[in-house]
């Protein structure tokens, strides 16, 4: 079960690959950012979701994974210091 805590995103950026994938899917990044800050971690396993719940509470890096309508996976990563959040494709990491 996920936590109800929320956290700051900091400066939000996206890689060119993620922007292209979102465009091709006809989707906005805003919905994924909203899910991320609401602690809806998307397509992570139970252990990774638990790790994220802890990360929100103690200030570690947070990673969510979502599938676009096209099936392409995107990651949303917020840095531990909450200075920035990046939307990217896993292969761009």
Protein backbone atom coordinates (compact mmCIF):
# COMPACT_ATOMS: atom_id res chain seq x y z
CA UNK A 1 0.00 0.00 0.00
CA UNK A 2 1.35 3.42 -0.90
CA UNK A 3 1.64 6.36 1.41
CA UNK A 4 -0.46 9.50 1.20
CA UNK A 5 2.57 11.77 1.57
CA UNK A 6 3.33 14.17 -1.22
CA UNK A 7 6.60 15.88 -2.08
CA UNK A 8 7.98 18.75 -4.11
CA UNK A 9 9.13 18.18 -7.69
CA UNK A 10 11.61 21.06 -7.95
CA UNK A 11 12.51 22.07 -11.49
CA UNK A 12 10.74 19.72 -13.88
CA UNK A 13 12.41 18.67 -17.12
CA UNK A 14 11.96 15.97 -19.74
CA UNK A 15 14.36 14.38 -22.17
CA UNK A 16 13.80 14.73 -25.91
CA UNK A 17 13.01 11.00 -26.14
CA UNK A 18 10.36 11.20 -23.44
CA UNK A 19 8.81 14.30 -25.01
CA UNK A 20 8.66 12.54 -28.39
CA UNK A 21 7.10 9.42 -26.84
CA UNK A 22 4.48 11.54 -25.05
CA UNK A 23 3.72 13.39 -28.29
CA UNK A 24 3.34 10.13 -30.21
CA UNK A 25 1.00 8.81 -27.51
CA UNK A 26 -1.01 12.03 -27.55
CA UNK A 27 -0.46 12.36 -23.81
CA UNK A 28 0.56 15.16 -21.48
CA UNK A 29 3.31 14.74 -18.89
CA UNK A 30 1.14 16.51 -16.30
CA UNK A 31 -0.95 13.45 -15.50
CA UNK A 32 2.17 11.39 -14.84
CA UNK A 33 3.67 14.11 -12.66
CA UNK A 34 0.42 14.27 -10.68
CA UNK A 35 0.45 10.50 -10.17
CA UNK A 36 4.11 10.61 -9.13
CA UNK A 37 3.55 13.29 -6.47
CA UNK A 38 0.43 11.46 -5.25
CA UNK A 39 2.67 8.43 -4.58
CA UNK A 40 1.11 6.34 -7.36
CA UNK A 41 4.32 4.64 -8.42
CA UNK A 42 2.88 3.04 -11.54
CA UNK A 43 4.45 -0.15 -12.87
CA UNK A 44 6.84 -0.94 -10.01
CA UNK A 45 6.91 -4.14 -8.01
CA UNK A 46 5.83 -4.21 -4.37
CA UNK A 47 9.37 -3.93 -2.98
CA UNK A 48 10.18 -0.89 -5.15
CA UNK A 49 6.89 0.75 -4.12
CA UNK A 50 7.80 0.22 -0.46
CA UNK A 51 11.24 1.70 -1.11
CA UNK A 52 9.61 4.76 -2.68
CA UNK A 53 7.28 5.18 0.29
CA UNK A 54 10.34 5.21 2.56
CA UNK A 55 12.19 7.55 0.19
CA UNK A 56 9.38 10.10 0.40
CA UNK A 57 9.45 10.00 4.21
CA UNK A 58 13.22 10.21 4.67
CA UNK A 59 14.24 12.25 1.62
CA UNK A 60 15.80 9.79 -0.82
CA UNK A 61 15.44 9.76 -4.61
CA UNK A 62 12.01 8.68 -5.88
CA UNK A 63 11.38 6.79 -9.14
CA UNK A 64 8.06 5.96 -10.78
CA UNK A 65 7.50 3.96 -13.97
CA UNK A 66 4.49 4.33 -16.24
CA UNK A 67 3.37 2.89 -19.57
CA UNK A 68 2.02 5.30 -22.15
CA UNK A 69 -0.99 4.35 -24.29
CA UNK A 70 1.50 3.24 -26.95
CA UNK A 71 3.14 0.79 -24.53
CA UNK A 72 6.31 2.87 -24.22
CA UNK A 73 7.63 3.00 -20.66
CA UNK A 74 8.62 6.33 -19.11
CA UNK A 75 10.31 6.96 -15.81
CA UNK A 76 9.76 9.95 -13.53
CA UNK A 77 12.67 10.55 -11.15
CA UNK A 78 12.76 13.14 -8.38
CA UNK A 79 16.17 13.80 -6.87
CA UNK A 80 16.72 13.24 -3.15
CA UNK A 81 17.11 16.96 -2.44
CA UNK A 82 13.85 17.62 -4.36
CA UNK A 83 15.66 20.14 -6.56
CA UNK A 84 14.51 18.54 -9.80
CA UNK A 85 12.33 15.91 -11.44
CA UNK A 86 13.05 14.39 -14.83
CA UNK A 87 10.75 12.47 -17.17
CA UNK A 88 12.81 10.13 -19.33
CA UNK A 89 12.85 6.84 -21.16
CA UNK A 90 14.61 4.03 -19.26
CA UNK A 91 17.22 3.72 -22.01
CA UNK A 92 18.10 7.40 -21.53
CA UNK A 93 19.13 6.85 -17.90
